[in-house]
Amino acid sequence: MIALNLPRVPVPGAVAVQIGSQLPPRVLEAERKATSAAYSFGLARGPRYEESRQWLLADIAAANKVLAAYNPRLVVRIGGAS
């Protein structure tokens, strides 16, 4: 069997809107919050930002509770881990 490493294809905006319309508003908000906090977490480097990272981790954990209750595969992970 040949394993193909296909490149990721970006999802067009219209498709993303259609997918988002199928989710409850609280799940969409939790996903937005978790994704934003995970991005900000990657920017907060160094010892000066330790407190900021702790706040961001708390935001991610709270959002992940909502996401996991809806669908465990929606949980946001930091660092691109799968």
PDB file of N, CA and C in Angstrom:
ATOM      1  N   MET A   1       0.835  -1.170   0.000  1.00  0.00           N
ATOM      2  CA  MET A   1       0.000   0.000   0.000  1.00  0.00           C
ATOM      3  C   MET A   1       0.884   1.239   0.000  1.00  0.00           C
ATOM      4  N   ILE A   2       0.530   2.203  -0.781  1.00  0.00           N
ATOM      5  CA  ILE A   2       1.295   3.443  -0.877  1.00  0.00           C
ATOM      6  C   ILE A   2       0.616   4.498  -0.023  1.00  0.00           C
ATOM      7  N   ALA A   3       1.380   5.077   0.880  1.00  0.00           N
ATOM      8  CA  ALA A   3       0.842   6.145   1.728  1.00  0.00           C
ATOM      9  C   ALA A   3       1.082   7.485   1.040  1.00  0.00           C
ATOM     10  N   LEU A   4       0.028   8.225   0.849  1.00  0.00           N
ATOM     11  CA  LEU A   4       0.139   9.533   0.223  1.00  0.00           C
ATOM     12  C   LEU A   4       0.091  10.616   1.285  1.00  0.00           C
ATOM     13  N   ASN A   5       1.020  11.508   1.223  1.00  0.00           N
ATOM     14  CA  ASN A   5       1.024  12.669   2.119  1.00  0.00           C
ATOM     15  C   ASN A   5       0.455  13.851   1.343  1.00  0.00           C
ATOM     16  N   LEU A   6      -0.838  13.964   1.374  1.00  0.00           N
ATOM     17  CA  LEU A   6      -1.505  15.035   0.646  1.00  0.00           C
ATOM     18  C   LEU A   6      -1.423  16.340   1.430  1.00  0.00           C
ATOM     19  N   PRO A   7      -1.232  17.454   0.731  1.00  0.00           N
ATOM     20  CA  PRO A   7      -1.189  18.741   1.430  1.00  0.00           C
ATOM     21  C   PRO A   7      -2.564  19.111   1.960  1.00  0.00           C
ATOM     22  N   ARG A   8      -2.568  19.868   3.045  1.00  0.00           N
ATOM     23  CA  ARG A   8      -3.837  20.347   3.587  1.00  0.00           C
ATOM     24  C   ARG A   8      -4.444  21.372   2.641  1.00  0.00           C
ATOM     25  N   VAL A   9      -5.725  21.242   2.423  1.00  0.00           N
ATOM     26  CA  VAL A   9      -6.433  22.156   1.538  1.00  0.00           C
ATOM     27  C   VAL A   9      -7.244  23.106   2.410  1.00  0.00           C
ATOM     28  N   PRO A  10      -7.083  24.418   2.204  1.00  0.00           N
ATOM     29  CA  PRO A  10      -7.866  25.352   3.024  1.00  0.00           C
ATOM     30  C   PRO A  10      -9.355  25.228   2.723  1.00  0.00           C
ATOM     31  N   VAL A  11     -10.155  25.406   3.760  1.00  0.00           N
ATOM     32  CA  VAL A  11     -11.608  25.342   3.617  1.00  0.00           C
ATOM     33  C   VAL A  11     -12.100  26.720   3.188  1.00  0.00           C
ATOM     34  N   PRO A  12     -12.849  26.800   2.088  1.00  0.00           N
ATOM     35  CA  PRO A  12     -13.381  28.096   1.659  1.00  0.00           C
ATOM     36  C   PRO A  12     -14.310  28.693   2.717  1.00  0.00           C
ATOM     37  N   GLY A  13     -14.410  29.996   2.736  1.00  0.00           N
ATOM     38  CA  GLY A  13     -15.214  30.698   3.730  1.00  0.00           C
ATOM     39  C   GLY A  13     -16.671  30.263   3.741  1.00  0.00           C
ATOM     40  N   ALA A  14     -17.251  30.033   2.571  1.00  0.00           N
ATOM     41  CA  ALA A  14     -18.664  29.640   2.509  1.00  0.00           C
ATOM     42  C   ALA A  14     -18.877  28.274   3.156  1.00  0.00           C
ATOM     43  N   VAL A  15     -17.925  27.369   2.972  1.00  0.00           N
ATOM     44  CA  VAL A  15     -18.038  26.044   3.572  1.00  0.00           C
ATOM     45  C   VAL A  15     -17.902  26.144   5.088  1.00  0.00           C
ATOM     46  N   ALA A  16     -16.971  26.983   5.549  1.00  0.00           N
ATOM     47  CA  ALA A  16     -16.790  27.167   6.988  1.00  0.00           C
ATOM     48  C   ALA A  16     -18.051  27.751   7.629  1.00  0.00           C
ATOM     49  N   VAL A  17     -18.694  28.679   6.953  1.00  0.00           N
ATOM     50  CA  VAL A  17     -19.932  29.274   7.472  1.00  0.00           C
ATOM     51  C   VAL A  17     -21.033  28.220   7.534  1.00  0.00           C
ATOM     52  N   GLN A  18     -21.113  27.383   6.514  1.00  0.00           N
ATOM     53  CA  GLN A  18     -22.127  26.337   6.494  1.00  0.00           C
ATOM     54  C   GLN A  18     -21.896  25.319   7.613  1.00  0.00           C
ATOM     55  N   ILE A  19     -20.651  24.962   7.856  1.00  0.00           N
ATOM     56  CA  ILE A  19     -20.326  24.046   8.945  1.00  0.00           C
ATOM     57  C   ILE A  19     -20.666  24.694  10.283  1.00  0.00           C
ATOM     58  N   GLY A  20     -20.301  25.964  10.437  1.00  0.00           N
ATOM     59  CA  GLY A  20     -20.570  26.676  11.678  1.00  0.00           C
ATOM     60  C   GLY A  20     -22.048  26.839  11.974  1.00  0.00           C
ATOM     61  N   SER A  21     -22.864  26.900  10.934  1.00  0.00           N
ATOM     62  CA  SER A  21     -24.303  27.068  11.164  1.00  0.00           C
ATOM     63  C   SER A  21     -24.942  25.810  11.744  1.00  0.00           C
ATOM     64  N   GLN A  22     -24.250  24.697  11.692  1.00  0.00           N
ATOM     65  CA  GLN A  22     -24.763  23.445  12.235  1.00  0.00           C
ATOM     66  C   GLN A  22     -24.454  23.266  13.715  1.00  0.00           C
ATOM     67  N   LEU A  23     -23.580  24.101  14.261  1.00  0.00           N
ATOM     68  CA  LEU A  23     -23.166  23.993  15.658  1.00  0.00           C
ATOM     69  C   LEU A  23     -23.937  24.984  16.527  1.00  0.00           C
ATOM     70  N   PRO A  24     -24.183  24.624  17.788  1.00  0.00           N
ATOM     71  CA  PRO A  24     -24.826  25.576  18.705  1.00  0.00           C
ATOM     72  C   PRO A  24     -23.917  26.790  18.947  1.00  0.00           C
ATOM     73  N   PRO A  25     -24.500  27.954  19.214  1.00  0.00           N
ATOM     74  CA  PRO A  25     -23.697  29.168  19.417  1.00  0.00           C
ATOM     75  C   PRO A  25     -22.667  29.045  20.546  1.00  0.00           C
ATOM     76  N   ARG A  26     -23.016  28.343  21.624  1.00  0.00           N
ATOM     77  CA  ARG A  26     -22.056  28.222  22.736  1.00  0.00           C
ATOM     78  C   ARG A  26     -20.834  27.407  22.320  1.00  0.00           C
ATOM     79  N   VAL A  27     -21.014  26.444  21.426  1.00  0.00           N
ATOM     80  CA  VAL A  27     -19.881  25.640  20.946  1.00  0.00           C
ATOM     81  C   VAL A  27     -19.021  26.470  20.005  1.00  0.00           C
ATOM     82  N   LEU A  28     -19.645  27.262  19.138  1.00  0.00           N
ATOM     83  CA  LEU A  28     -18.879  28.142  18.252  1.00  0.00           C
ATOM     84  C   LEU A  28     -18.060  29.150  19.050  1.00  0.00           C
ATOM     85  N   GLU A  29     -18.665  29.734  20.074  1.00  0.00           N
ATOM     86  CA  GLU A  29     -17.961  30.706  20.911  1.00  0.00           C
ATOM     87  C   GLU A  29     -16.805  30.043  21.655  1.00  0.00           C
ATOM     88  N   ALA A  30     -17.025  28.841  22.170  1.00  0.00           N
ATOM     89  CA  ALA A  30     -15.960  28.128  22.885  1.00  0.00           C
ATOM     90  C   ALA A  30     -14.813  27.786  21.937  1.00  0.00           C
ATOM     91  N   GLU A  31     -15.131  27.404  20.719  1.00  0.00           N
ATOM     92  CA  GLU A  31     -14.085  27.078  19.751  1.00  0.00           C
ATOM     93  C   GLU A  31     -13.282  28.319  19.381  1.00  0.00           C
ATOM     94  N   ARG A  32     -13.973  29.439  19.192  1.00  0.00           N
ATOM     95  CA  ARG A  32     -13.281  30.688  18.868  1.00  0.00           C
ATOM     96  C   ARG A  32     -12.366  31.103  20.014  1.00  0.00           C
ATOM     97  N   LYS A  33     -12.884  31.003  21.241  1.00  0.00           N
ATOM     98  CA  LYS A  33     -12.108  31.404  22.412  1.00  0.00           C
ATOM     99  C   LYS A  33     -10.883  30.504  22.611  1.00  0.00           C
ATOM    100  N   ALA A  34     -11.069  29.199  22.456  1.00  0.00           N
ATOM    101  CA  ALA A  34      -9.958  28.262  22.645  1.00  0.00           C
ATOM    102  C   ALA A  34      -8.895  28.439  21.568  1.00  0.00           C
ATOM    103  N   THR A  35      -9.313  28.629  20.332  1.00  0.00           N
ATOM    104  CA  THR A  35      -8.364  28.813  19.246  1.00  0.00           C
ATOM    105  C   THR A  35      -7.582  30.107  19.413  1.00  0.00           C
ATOM    106  N   SER A  36      -8.264  31.174  19.797  1.00  0.00           N
ATOM    107  CA  SER A  36      -7.607  32.455  20.021  1.00  0.00           C
ATOM    108  C   SER A  36      -6.616  32.375  21.179  1.00  0.00           C
ATOM    109  N   ALA A  37      -7.017  31.715  22.263  1.00  0.00           N
ATOM    110  CA  ALA A  37      -6.126  31.584  23.422  1.00  0.00           C
ATOM    111  C   ALA A  37      -4.915  30.713  23.083  1.00  0.00           C
ATOM    112  N   ALA A  38      -5.113  29.665  22.295  1.00  0.00           N
ATOM    113  CA  ALA A  38      -3.993  28.803  21.909  1.00  0.00           C
ATOM    114  C   ALA A  38      -3.003  29.567  21.038  1.00  0.00           C
ATOM    115  N   TYR A  39      -3.512  30.412  20.142  1.00  0.00           N
ATOM    116  CA  TYR A  39      -2.628  31.237  19.322  1.00  0.00           C
ATOM    117  C   TYR A  39      -1.847  32.219  20.191  1.00  0.00           C
ATOM    118  N   SER A  40      -2.538  32.884  21.108  1.00  0.00           N
ATOM    119  CA  SER A  40      -1.891  33.846  21.999  1.00  0.00           C
ATOM    120  C   SER A  40      -0.875  33.151  22.905  1.00  0.00           C
ATOM    121  N   PHE A  41      -1.166  31.919  23.294  1.00  0.00           N
ATOM    122  CA  PHE A  41      -0.245  31.159  24.140  1.00  0.00           C
ATOM    123  C   PHE A  41       1.095  30.979  23.426  1.00  0.00           C
ATOM    124  N   GLY A  42       1.042  30.729  22.133  1.00  0.00           N
ATOM    125  CA  GLY A  42       2.274  30.569  21.361  1.00  0.00           C
ATOM    126  C   GLY A  42       3.083  31.850  21.266  1.00  0.00           C
ATOM    127  N   LEU A  43       2.436  32.990  21.407  1.00  0.00           N
ATOM    128  CA  LEU A  43       3.134  34.275  21.344  1.00  0.00           C
ATOM    129  C   LEU A  43       3.722  34.692  22.684  1.00  0.00           C
ATOM    130  N   ALA A  44       3.198  34.171  23.770  1.00  0.00           N
ATOM    131  CA  ALA A  44       3.635  34.563  25.122  1.00  0.00           C
ATOM    132  C   ALA A  44       4.823  33.687  25.534  1.00  0.00           C
ATOM    133  N   ARG A  45       6.000  34.121  25.173  1.00  0.00           N
ATOM    134  CA  ARG A  45       7.204  33.352  25.471  1.00  0.00           C
ATOM    135  C   ARG A  45       8.064  34.105  26.480  1.00  0.00           C
ATOM    136  N   GLY A  46       8.820  33.369  27.215  1.00  0.00           N
ATOM    137  CA  GLY A  46       9.736  33.964  28.172  1.00  0.00           C
ATOM    138  C   GLY A  46       9.132  34.057  29.559  1.00  0.00           C
ATOM    139  N   PRO A  47       9.994  34.294  30.531  1.00  0.00           N
ATOM    140  CA  PRO A  47       9.540  34.321  31.924  1.00  0.00           C
ATOM    141  C   PRO A  47       8.618  35.500  32.247  1.00  0.00           C
ATOM    142  N   ARG A  48       8.681  36.572  31.472  1.00  0.00           N
ATOM    143  CA  ARG A  48       7.829  37.737  31.740  1.00  0.00           C
ATOM    144  C   ARG A  48       6.352  37.432  31.558  1.00  0.00           C
ATOM    145  N   TYR A  49       6.043  36.426  30.758  1.00  0.00           N
ATOM    146  CA  TYR A  49       4.658  36.146  30.392  1.00  0.00           C
ATOM    147  C   TYR A  49       4.081  34.925  31.105  1.00  0.00           C
ATOM    148  N   GLU A  50       4.703  34.507  32.202  1.00  0.00           N
ATOM    149  CA  GLU A  50       4.233  33.317  32.914  1.00  0.00           C
ATOM    150  C   GLU A  50       2.782  33.475  33.388  1.00  0.00           C
ATOM    151  N   GLU A  51       2.452  34.608  33.962  1.00  0.00           N
ATOM    152  CA  GLU A  51       1.091  34.821  34.446  1.00  0.00           C
ATOM    153  C   GLU A  51       0.097  34.857  33.285  1.00  0.00           C
ATOM    154  N   SER A  52       0.491  35.460  32.181  1.00  0.00           N
ATOM    155  CA  SER A  52      -0.372  35.496  31.012  1.00  0.00           C
ATOM    156  C   SER A  52      -0.634  34.092  30.483  1.00  0.00           C
ATOM    157  N   ARG A  53       0.397  33.257  30.461  1.00  0.00           N
ATOM    158  CA  ARG A  53       0.217  31.877  30.003  1.00  0.00           C
ATOM    159  C   ARG A  53      -0.741  31.110  30.900  1.00  0.00           C
ATOM    160  N   GLN A  54      -0.672  31.369  32.217  1.00  0.00           N
ATOM    161  CA  GLN A  54      -1.587  30.692  33.138  1.00  0.00           C
ATOM    162  C   GLN A  54      -3.037  31.088  32.867  1.00  0.00           C
ATOM    163  N   TRP A  55      -3.271  32.357  32.607  1.00  0.00           N
ATOM    164  CA  TRP A  55      -4.626  32.819  32.272  1.00  0.00           C
ATOM    165  C   TRP A  55      -5.102  32.204  30.962  1.00  0.00           C
ATOM    166  N   LEU A  56      -4.208  32.131  29.989  1.00  0.00           N
ATOM    167  CA  LEU A  56      -4.581  31.547  28.700  1.00  0.00           C
ATOM    168  C   LEU A  56      -4.892  30.055  28.835  1.00  0.00           C
ATOM    169  N   LEU A  57      -4.111  29.346  29.646  1.00  0.00           N
ATOM    170  CA  LEU A  57      -4.384  27.927  29.881  1.00  0.00           C
ATOM    171  C   LEU A  57      -5.753  27.731  30.540  1.00  0.00           C
ATOM    172  N   ALA A  58      -6.102  28.629  31.452  1.00  0.00           N
ATOM    173  CA  ALA A  58      -7.417  28.548  32.103  1.00  0.00           C
ATOM    174  C   ALA A  58      -8.532  28.783  31.081  1.00  0.00           C
ATOM    175  N   ASP A  59      -8.329  29.741  30.175  1.00  0.00           N
ATOM    176  CA  ASP A  59      -9.323  29.997  29.122  1.00  0.00           C
ATOM    177  C   ASP A  59      -9.476  28.789  28.204  1.00  0.00           C
ATOM    178  N   ILE A  60      -8.360  28.175  27.844  1.00  0.00           N
ATOM    179  CA  ILE A  60      -8.400  27.001  26.974  1.00  0.00           C
ATOM    180  C   ILE A  60      -9.112  25.850  27.674  1.00  0.00           C
ATOM    181  N   ALA A  61      -8.805  25.644  28.949  1.00  0.00           N
ATOM    182  CA  ALA A  61      -9.437  24.547  29.699  1.00  0.00           C
ATOM    183  C   ALA A  61     -10.950  24.747  29.805  1.00  0.00           C
ATOM    184  N   ALA A  62     -11.378  25.975  30.075  1.00  0.00           N
ATOM    185  CA  ALA A  62     -12.817  26.252  30.181  1.00  0.00           C
ATOM    186  C   ALA A  62     -13.519  26.031  28.843  1.00  0.00           C
ATOM    187  N   ALA A  63     -12.909  26.491  27.768  1.00  0.00           N
ATOM    188  CA  ALA A  63     -13.506  26.311  26.443  1.00  0.00           C
ATOM    189  C   ALA A  63     -13.507  24.838  26.052  1.00  0.00           C
ATOM    190  N   ASN A  64     -12.453  24.119  26.408  1.00  0.00           N
ATOM    191  CA  ASN A  64     -12.385  22.698  26.065  1.00  0.00           C
ATOM    192  C   ASN A  64     -13.438  21.875  26.796  1.00  0.00           C
ATOM    193  N   LYS A  65     -13.855  22.319  27.975  1.00  0.00           N
ATOM    194  CA  LYS A  65     -14.932  21.618  28.680  1.00  0.00           C
ATOM    195  C   LYS A  65     -16.209  21.651  27.848  1.00  0.00           C
ATOM    196  N   VAL A  66     -16.524  22.805  27.296  1.00  0.00           N
ATOM    197  CA  VAL A  66     -17.727  22.948  26.474  1.00  0.00           C
ATOM    198  C   VAL A  66     -17.574  22.127  25.192  1.00  0.00           C
ATOM    199  N   LEU A  67     -16.406  22.216  24.566  1.00  0.00           N
ATOM    200  CA  LEU A  67     -16.179  21.497  23.319  1.00  0.00           C
ATOM    201  C   LEU A  67     -16.224  19.987  23.521  1.00  0.00           C
ATOM    202  N   ALA A  68     -15.603  19.498  24.588  1.00  0.00           N
ATOM    203  CA  ALA A  68     -15.573  18.056  24.853  1.00  0.00           C
ATOM    204  C   ALA A  68     -16.961  17.528  25.186  1.00  0.00           C
ATOM    205  N   ALA A  69     -17.786  18.335  25.839  1.00  0.00           N
ATOM    206  CA  ALA A  69     -19.140  17.902  26.151  1.00  0.00           C
ATOM    207  C   ALA A  69     -19.964  17.748  24.873  1.00  0.00           C
ATOM    208  N   TYR A  70     -19.693  18.574  23.886  1.00  0.00           N
ATOM    209  CA  TYR A  70     -20.425  18.491  22.618  1.00  0.00           C
ATOM    210  C   TYR A  70     -19.865  17.378  21.734  1.00  0.00           C
ATOM    211  N   ASN A  71     -18.528  17.396  21.543  1.00  0.00           N
ATOM    212  CA  ASN A  71     -17.857  16.381  20.729  1.00  0.00           C
ATOM    213  C   ASN A  71     -16.388  16.339  21.154  1.00  0.00           C
ATOM    214  N   PRO A  72     -15.911  15.228  21.705  1.00  0.00           N
ATOM    215  CA  PRO A  72     -14.528  15.158  22.189  1.00  0.00           C
ATOM    216  C   PRO A  72     -13.469  15.418  21.114  1.00  0.00           C
ATOM    217  N   ARG A  73     -13.821  15.244  19.843  1.00  0.00           N
ATOM    218  CA  ARG A  73     -12.835  15.489  18.783  1.00  0.00           C
ATOM    219  C   ARG A  73     -12.617  16.986  18.514  1.00  0.00           C
ATOM    220  N   LEU A  74     -13.424  17.862  19.117  1.00  0.00           N
ATOM    221  CA  LEU A  74     -13.287  19.310  18.897  1.00  0.00           C
ATOM    222  C   LEU A  74     -12.308  19.969  19.867  1.00  0.00           C
ATOM    223  N   VAL A  75     -11.783  19.223  20.816  1.00  0.00           N
ATOM    224  CA  VAL A  75     -10.899  19.793  21.839  1.00  0.00           C
ATOM    225  C   VAL A  75      -9.675  20.432  21.166  1.00  0.00           C
ATOM    226  N   VAL A  76      -9.323  21.638  21.603  1.00  0.00           N
ATOM    227  CA  VAL A  76      -8.192  22.371  21.077  1.00  0.00           C
ATOM    228  C   VAL A  76      -6.942  22.018  21.875  1.00  0.00           C
ATOM    229  N   ARG A  77      -5.886  21.653  21.174  1.00  0.00           N
ATOM    230  CA  ARG A  77      -4.622  21.289  21.821  1.00  0.00           C
ATOM    231  C   ARG A  77      -3.572  22.336  21.467  1.00  0.00           C
ATOM    232  N   ILE A  78      -2.675  22.591  22.384  1.00  0.00           N
ATOM    233  CA  ILE A  78      -1.621  23.566  22.159  1.00  0.00           C
ATOM    234  C   ILE A  78      -0.444  22.880  21.483  1.00  0.00           C
ATOM    235  N   GLY A  79       0.154  23.553  20.515  1.00  0.00           N
ATOM    236  CA  GLY A  79       1.350  23.040  19.879  1.00  0.00           C
ATOM    237  C   GLY A  79       1.092  22.121  18.699  1.00  0.00           C
ATOM    238  N   GLY A  80      -0.138  22.039  18.250  1.00  0.00           N
ATOM    239  CA  GLY A  80      -0.437  21.236  17.075  1.00  0.00           C
ATOM    240  C   GLY A  80      -0.438  19.743  17.332  1.00  0.00           C
ATOM    241  N   ALA A  81      -0.442  19.312  18.594  1.00  0.00           N
ATOM    242  CA  ALA A  81      -0.489  17.880  18.898  1.00  0.00           C
ATOM    243  C   ALA A  81      -1.838  17.317  18.497  1.00  0.00           C
ATOM    244  N   SER A  82      -1.837  16.100  18.016  1.00  0.00           N
ATOM    245  CA  SER A  82      -3.118  15.510  17.595  1.00  0.00           C
ATOM    246  C   SER A  82      -3.654  14.515  18.580  1.00  0.00           C
TER     247      SER A  82
END
